[in-house]
Protein backbone atom coordinates (compact mmCIF):
# COMPACT_ATOMS: atom_id res chain seq x y z
CA UNK A 1 -47.92 -4.87 12.80
CA UNK A 2 -44.32 -5.91 11.51
CA UNK A 3 -41.60 -5.56 13.25
CA UNK A 4 -37.59 -5.57 12.87
CA UNK A 5 -36.99 -8.29 14.65
CA UNK A 6 -39.10 -10.77 12.55
CA UNK A 7 -37.55 -13.34 11.81
CA UNK A 8 -37.09 -15.13 8.03
CA UNK A 9 -35.56 -18.79 8.93
CA UNK A 10 -34.90 -19.38 5.22
CA UNK A 11 -34.78 -22.78 3.05
CA UNK A 12 -32.44 -23.59 0.71
CA UNK A 13 -33.24 -21.52 -2.05
CA UNK A 14 -33.41 -17.52 -2.94
CA UNK A 15 -34.14 -14.43 -0.81
CA UNK A 16 -34.97 -10.98 -2.69
CA UNK A 17 -35.28 -8.60 -0.87
CA UNK A 18 -38.57 -6.57 -2.30
CA UNK A 19 -38.86 -3.00 -3.10
CA UNK A 20 -42.16 -0.99 -4.44
CA UNK A 21 -42.70 -1.00 -8.31
CA UNK A 22 -41.47 1.69 -9.73
CA UNK A 23 -42.64 3.77 -13.42
CA UNK A 24 -40.23 3.59 -15.99
CA UNK A 25 -39.98 7.96 -15.65
CA UNK A 26 -38.90 7.33 -11.62
CA UNK A 27 -36.70 4.19 -13.12
CA UNK A 28 -33.11 5.51 -12.74
CA UNK A 29 -29.66 4.32 -14.28
CA UNK A 30 -29.82 0.55 -12.81
CA UNK A 31 -26.53 -0.08 -10.50
CA UNK A 32 -24.21 -2.54 -11.33
CA UNK A 33 -24.92 -5.96 -9.21
CA UNK A 34 -22.01 -7.09 -6.27
CA UNK A 35 -21.40 -10.75 -5.79
CA UNK A 36 -20.14 -11.89 -2.61
CA UNK A 37 -19.93 -15.50 -1.83
CA UNK A 38 -19.14 -16.44 1.56
CA UNK A 39 -18.07 -19.94 3.10
CA UNK A 40 -17.81 -21.32 6.66
CA UNK A 41 -14.57 -22.73 7.86
CA UNK A 42 -11.66 -24.16 6.38
CA UNK A 43 -9.20 -26.47 7.92
CA UNK A 44 -5.94 -26.79 5.40
CA UNK A 45 -3.92 -29.26 8.09
CA UNK A 46 -4.55 -32.94 9.34
CA UNK A 47 -6.14 -35.18 6.64
CA UNK A 48 -7.06 -32.35 4.16
CA UNK A 49 -3.10 -31.53 4.29
CA UNK A 50 -2.13 -34.99 3.73
CA UNK A 51 -4.41 -35.91 0.78
CA UNK A 52 -2.76 -32.47 -1.00
CA UNK A 53 0.66 -33.75 -0.41
CA UNK A 54 -0.07 -37.50 -1.64
CA UNK A 55 -1.77 -36.63 -4.81
CA UNK A 56 1.01 -33.76 -5.19
CA UNK A 57 -1.43 -31.19 -5.37
CA UNK A 58 -1.88 -27.86 -2.64
CA UNK A 59 -4.70 -26.38 -4.11
CA UNK A 60 -6.57 -29.40 -4.98
CA UNK A 61 -9.12 -28.70 -1.56
CA UNK A 62 -10.73 -26.31 -3.63
CA UNK A 63 -10.39 -27.81 -7.32
CA UNK A 64 -14.36 -28.67 -7.04
CA UNK A 65 -15.49 -25.27 -5.64
CA UNK A 66 -12.97 -22.87 -7.45
CA UNK A 67 -14.74 -22.39 -10.80
CA UNK A 68 -18.44 -20.99 -8.94
CA UNK A 69 -16.00 -19.02 -5.81
CA UNK A 70 -13.50 -16.98 -8.81
CA UNK A 71 -16.72 -15.87 -10.36
CA UNK A 72 -18.29 -13.55 -7.75
CA UNK A 73 -16.74 -10.66 -7.23
CA UNK A 74 -15.78 -11.21 -3.57
CA UNK A 75 -14.98 -14.41 -1.76
CA UNK A 76 -14.82 -14.52 1.81
CA UNK A 77 -14.36 -17.72 4.53
CA UNK A 78 -12.77 -18.77 7.76
CA UNK A 79 -9.35 -20.08 7.64
CA UNK A 80 -9.16 -22.08 10.66
CA UNK A 81 -5.42 -22.98 10.71
CA UNK A 82 -3.11 -20.85 11.07
CA UNK A 83 0.49 -21.41 8.55
CA UNK A 84 3.62 -22.12 9.56
CA UNK A 85 7.03 -23.24 8.31
CA UNK A 86 8.20 -24.66 11.68
CA UNK A 87 8.04 -27.71 12.89
CA UNK A 88 6.42 -31.04 11.93
CA UNK A 89 4.17 -31.58 9.58
CA UNK A 90 0.80 -31.86 11.65
CA UNK A 91 -0.94 -35.03 12.61
CA UNK A 92 -4.16 -35.96 13.88
CA UNK A 93 -4.18 -33.42 17.07
CA UNK A 94 -6.73 -30.81 17.55
CA UNK A 95 -3.75 -28.15 17.04
CA UNK A 96 -3.59 -27.29 13.25
CA UNK A 97 -0.58 -26.10 10.83
CA UNK A 98 -1.08 -25.79 7.76
CA UNK A 99 2.11 -26.33 5.40
CA UNK A 100 2.76 -22.60 3.67
CA UNK A 101 1.99 -23.93 0.14
CA UNK A 102 -1.31 -25.17 0.83
CA UNK A 103 -2.29 -21.44 0.30
CA UNK A 104 -2.34 -22.55 -3.16
CA UNK A 105 -6.18 -23.14 -2.79
CA UNK A 106 -7.24 -19.96 -1.60
CA UNK A 107 -5.41 -18.56 -4.91
CA UNK A 108 -6.91 -20.52 -7.35
CA UNK A 109 -10.42 -20.50 -5.86
CA UNK A 110 -9.83 -16.62 -5.95
CA UNK A 111 -10.41 -15.97 -1.76
CA UNK A 112 -9.91 -11.95 -1.22
CA UNK A 113 -10.26 -11.98 2.45
CA UNK A 114 -10.27 -14.48 5.27
CA UNK A 115 -11.17 -14.11 9.09
CA UNK A 116 -8.20 -14.86 10.96
CA UNK A 117 -9.96 -14.37 14.45
CA UNK A 118 -11.23 -17.94 16.02
CA UNK A 119 -10.23 -20.72 18.87
CA UNK A 120 -6.89 -21.76 16.66
CA UNK A 121 -5.80 -18.75 15.88
CA UNK A 122 -2.52 -19.00 18.07
CA UNK A 123 -2.46 -23.01 17.38
CA UNK A 124 1.28 -21.96 15.70
CA UNK A 125 2.25 -19.53 18.88
CA UNK A 126 3.37 -16.19 18.16
CA UNK A 127 5.61 -16.73 15.34
CA UNK A 128 2.14 -18.78 12.84
CA UNK A 129 0.07 -16.15 13.96
CA UNK A 130 2.40 -13.55 11.67
CA UNK A 131 3.67 -15.78 9.70
CA UNK A 132 -0.42 -16.33 8.45
CA UNK A 133 -0.68 -12.19 8.00
CA UNK A 134 2.50 -12.60 6.09
CA UNK A 135 1.97 -15.00 3.90
CA UNK A 136 -1.56 -13.94 3.38
CA UNK A 137 -0.45 -10.40 2.34
CA UNK A 138 2.32 -11.76 -0.10
CA UNK A 139 -0.16 -13.77 -2.02
CA UNK A 140 -2.90 -10.86 -2.34
CA UNK A 141 -5.42 -12.23 0.61
CA UNK A 142 -6.42 -9.75 3.03
CA UNK A 143 -7.50 -10.88 7.10
CA UNK A 144 -9.74 -9.69 8.99
CA UNK A 145 -9.18 -10.41 13.02
CA UNK A 146 -6.06 -10.44 13.75
CA UNK A 147 -3.11 -7.95 13.62
CA UNK A 148 0.53 -7.64 14.35
CA UNK A 149 -1.24 -5.36 17.37
CA UNK A 150 -4.78 -4.60 18.85
CA UNK A 151 -5.42 -1.75 16.79
CA UNK A 152 -4.12 -3.96 13.98
CA UNK A 153 -6.89 -6.96 14.90
CA UNK A 154 -9.75 -4.27 14.79
CA UNK A 155 -9.42 -1.82 12.20
CA UNK A 156 -10.71 -4.27 9.45
CA UNK A 157 -10.16 -5.06 5.87
CA UNK A 158 -11.61 -2.96 3.17
CA UNK A 159 -12.07 -4.26 -0.70
CA UNK A 160 -13.99 -1.85 -3.52
CA UNK A 161 -15.50 -3.52 -6.03
CA UNK A 162 -17.84 -1.48 -8.49
CA UNK A 163 -17.29 2.12 -7.04
CA UNK A 164 -18.76 0.10 -3.56
CA UNK A 165 -16.07 -0.40 -0.63
CA UNK A 166 -16.48 -3.34 1.54
CA UNK A 167 -15.19 -3.66 5.02
CA UNK A 168 -14.62 -6.93 6.94
CA UNK A 169 -14.72 -7.83 10.42
CA UNK A 170 -13.72 -10.46 11.97
CA UNK A 171 -14.22 -11.80 15.65
CA UNK A 172 -14.01 -15.00 17.86
CA UNK A 173 -15.55 -15.95 21.26
CA UNK A 174 -12.93 -18.04 22.25
CA UNK A 175 -8.81 -17.75 20.95
CA UNK A 176 -7.09 -19.78 24.06
CA UNK A 177 -8.26 -23.43 22.75
CA UNK A 178 -7.39 -24.97 26.00
CA UNK A 179 -3.41 -24.11 25.01
CA UNK A 180 -2.80 -20.72 26.46
CA UNK A 181 -3.54 -19.35 29.97
CA UNK A 182 -3.73 -15.58 28.82
CA UNK A 183 -5.73 -13.66 25.83
CA UNK A 184 -3.40 -12.12 22.99
CA UNK A 185 -4.69 -8.61 21.97
CA UNK A 186 -3.65 -9.31 18.37
CA UNK A 187 -6.89 -11.48 18.36
CA UNK A 188 -10.04 -9.32 17.96
CA UNK A 189 -12.86 -10.92 21.12
CA UNK A 190 -16.13 -11.09 20.11
CA UNK A 191 -16.93 -8.22 22.46
CA UNK A 192 -19.99 -5.85 21.53
CA UNK A 193 -18.99 -2.78 22.57
CA UNK A 194 -15.33 -3.29 20.58
CA UNK A 195 -17.20 -4.51 17.69
CA UNK A 196 -19.89 -1.00 17.89
CA UNK A 197 -16.83 1.20 18.09
CA UNK A 198 -15.24 -0.68 15.13
CA UNK A 199 -17.93 -0.71 12.66
CA UNK A 200 -18.36 3.45 13.34
CA UNK A 201 -14.70 3.59 12.35
CA UNK A 202 -14.54 1.22 9.60
CA UNK A 203 -17.82 3.36 7.89
CA UNK A 204 -15.23 6.00 7.45
CA UNK A 205 -13.97 4.13 5.05
CA UNK A 206 -16.04 1.29 3.67
CA UNK A 207 -19.93 1.93 2.42
CA UNK A 208 -20.71 -2.12 3.35
CA UNK A 209 -19.48 -3.74 6.37
CA UNK A 210 -19.35 -7.14 6.74
CA UNK A 211 -19.27 -8.78 10.30
CA UNK A 212 -17.54 -12.13 10.55
CA UNK A 213 -18.62 -14.30 13.62
CA UNK A 214 -17.18 -17.73 15.55
CA UNK A 215 -19.08 -18.51 17.65
CA UNK A 216 -21.86 -20.97 18.50
CA UNK A 217 -22.49 -24.64 20.03
CA UNK A 218 -20.18 -27.58 17.98
CA UNK A 219 -23.14 -29.55 16.45
CA UNK A 220 -26.22 -27.27 17.06
CA UNK A 221 -28.41 -27.21 14.46
CA UNK A 222 -29.89 -23.90 16.19
CA UNK A 223 -27.63 -20.68 17.16
CA UNK A 224 -27.40 -19.96 21.08
CA UNK A 225 -27.95 -16.36 22.59
CA UNK A 226 -24.82 -15.58 22.21
CA UNK A 227 -24.81 -15.76 18.90
CA UNK A 228 -27.74 -14.19 18.85
CA UNK A 229 -27.35 -11.09 20.23
CA UNK A 230 -24.05 -10.27 18.81
CA UNK A 231 -24.85 -11.06 15.23
CA UNK A 232 -27.93 -8.28 15.89
CA UNK A 233 -25.90 -5.80 17.71
CA UNK A 234 -23.80 -5.56 14.20
CA UNK A 235 -26.82 -5.57 12.29
CA UNK A 236 -27.92 -2.84 14.54
CA UNK A 237 -24.35 -0.98 14.01
CA UNK A 238 -24.61 -0.96 10.57
CA UNK A 239 -23.06 -4.22 9.28
CA UNK A 240 -25.70 -5.30 6.47
CA UNK A 241 -24.26 -9.29 6.69
CA UNK A 242 -22.20 -11.26 9.17
CA UNK A 243 -21.00 -14.54 8.38
CA UNK A 244 -21.58 -16.77 10.97
CA UNK A 245 -19.06 -20.05 11.26
CA UNK A 246 -17.79 -22.72 14.07
CA UNK A 247 -20.40 -25.15 15.11
CA UNK A 248 -19.37 -27.12 12.39
CA UNK A 249 -23.33 -27.54 11.10
CA UNK A 250 -25.51 -25.31 9.17
CA UNK A 251 -27.37 -22.68 10.99
CA UNK A 252 -30.08 -20.75 9.68
CA UNK A 253 -30.39 -17.90 7.99
CA UNK A 254 -32.51 -14.49 9.11
CA UNK A 255 -32.96 -11.51 7.05
CA UNK A 256 -33.02 -8.78 10.04
CA UNK A 257 -33.25 -5.09 9.48
CA UNK A 258 -31.80 -4.12 6.27
CA UNK A 259 -29.25 -7.34 6.50
CA UNK A 260 -28.63 -10.62 6.16
CA UNK A 261 -27.28 -13.39 9.30
CA UNK A 262 -25.78 -16.84 8.30
CA UNK A 263 -25.43 -17.93 11.72
CA UNK A 264 -23.36 -21.25 10.64
CA UNK A 265 -22.21 -21.79 7.66
CA UNK A 266 -20.41 -25.37 8.47
CA UNK A 267 -17.74 -26.59 7.00
CA UNK A 268 -16.77 -25.73 3.37
CA UNK A 269 -12.69 -27.77 3.44
CA UNK A 270 -12.51 -30.05 6.81
CA UNK A 271 -12.13 -33.67 7.31
CA UNK A 272 -14.62 -34.06 10.15
CA UNK A 273 -16.05 -38.08 9.03
CA UNK A 274 -17.68 -38.60 12.05
CA UNK A 275 -20.69 -36.96 10.86
CA UNK A 276 -23.05 -36.56 7.99
CA UNK A 277 -24.19 -33.37 8.99
CA UNK A 278 -20.21 -31.63 9.14
CA UNK A 279 -19.79 -33.06 5.68
CA UNK A 280 -22.50 -30.15 4.40
CA UNK A 281 -21.99 -26.68 4.39
CA UNK A 282 -23.41 -23.76 2.80
CA UNK A 283 -22.61 -21.36 0.36
CA UNK A 284 -24.02 -17.56 1.13
CA UNK A 285 -24.10 -15.75 -2.03
CA UNK A 286 -25.27 -12.19 -0.99
CA UNK A 287 -26.16 -9.64 -4.27
CA UNK A 288 -25.79 -6.03 -3.49
CA UNK A 289 -26.97 -2.89 -5.86
CA UNK A 290 -24.94 -1.00 -4.59
CA UNK A 291 -24.78 -0.27 -1.20
CA UNK A 292 -28.16 -2.54 -0.81
CA UNK A 293 -28.60 -5.83 -0.43
CA UNK A 294 -30.88 -6.57 -3.35
CA UNK A 295 -31.00 -11.10 -2.52
CA UNK A 296 -29.41 -14.02 -1.00
CA UNK A 297 -29.41 -17.45 -2.34
CA UNK A 298 -27.98 -19.79 -0.44
CA UNK A 299 -25.66 -22.91 -2.08
CA UNK A 300 -25.20 -26.28 -0.84
CA UNK A 301 -21.54 -27.81 -0.57
CA UNK A 302 -21.48 -31.46 -0.22
CA UNK A 303 -18.20 -32.86 1.81
CA UNK A 304 -16.78 -36.28 0.55
CA UNK A 305 -12.74 -37.05 1.65
CA UNK A 306 -12.34 -33.61 2.90
CA UNK A 307 -12.68 -32.27 -0.75
CA UNK A 308 -16.42 -29.82 -1.62
CA UNK A 309 -18.34 -29.75 -4.40
CA UNK A 310 -21.49 -28.34 -4.93
CA UNK A 311 -24.28 -30.19 -4.72
CA UNK A 312 -27.61 -30.72 -7.26
CA UNK A 313 -30.65 -28.41 -6.87
CA UNK A 314 -32.19 -31.88 -6.27
CA UNK A 315 -29.29 -32.48 -3.71
CA UNK A 316 -27.50 -34.58 -5.50
């Protein structure tokens, strides 16, 4: 007997969500397909920023992926570095600060919504948290997971495509990052109870819920218990997709219930050169037919000198 908790650890390729055959008489007018693309960690500071400045091209980090990303109906990534127009250009430290002009890459790639809830959310302090939200808003990019108050951080972001309203929520396992003593309620934390409340509330405004999860052990290729429990709780609460990031390496994809869980999409734009597996990432492509997940496609990304490119199907 099959359980809704049965796992399918997906190889790279395509998962088609099955359905029974129908006769010509039963076949309704097909609903339009809506394609969502999910990317992992995007860090526009440190070497990434220096390379863009050297080339005088703030959109440089996304040029290799922009055609594929911009062709999707909705593009989501985790924004790992806050923006700020104060202070020095960031060096090689673990405190990230992206220069405002670096938002050009997100715009070129057609990024529609980002998670701003991660362990680097507060790297530029209160000013950077709000500056990031303002800059994203001015550039037509929605943010989930942080806000100007706690309610705003947990209210989510909604986009409509093909008559379907897609709602996004985002949460992080940590926001202190060794730099802060007390939590800021303007950053949504990985709390399953609060997440359930947020999903229930957002379902009044959205037809499909996506939950972003910043969690897991860095450089581990399998999800930990916290990831598994939170991600499945999100699907049980009504989410259709869980987009995970933070480990900086790719972790498995799981079909669960009527949804899909990307435990970790790995890096998308990052300058981690010390390991081969941090220079590989995934783009998760989820095709909806109305409000139902119809198929999932996985695309490998190779990151060379912090610049991502899609890999050929043969891995080349």
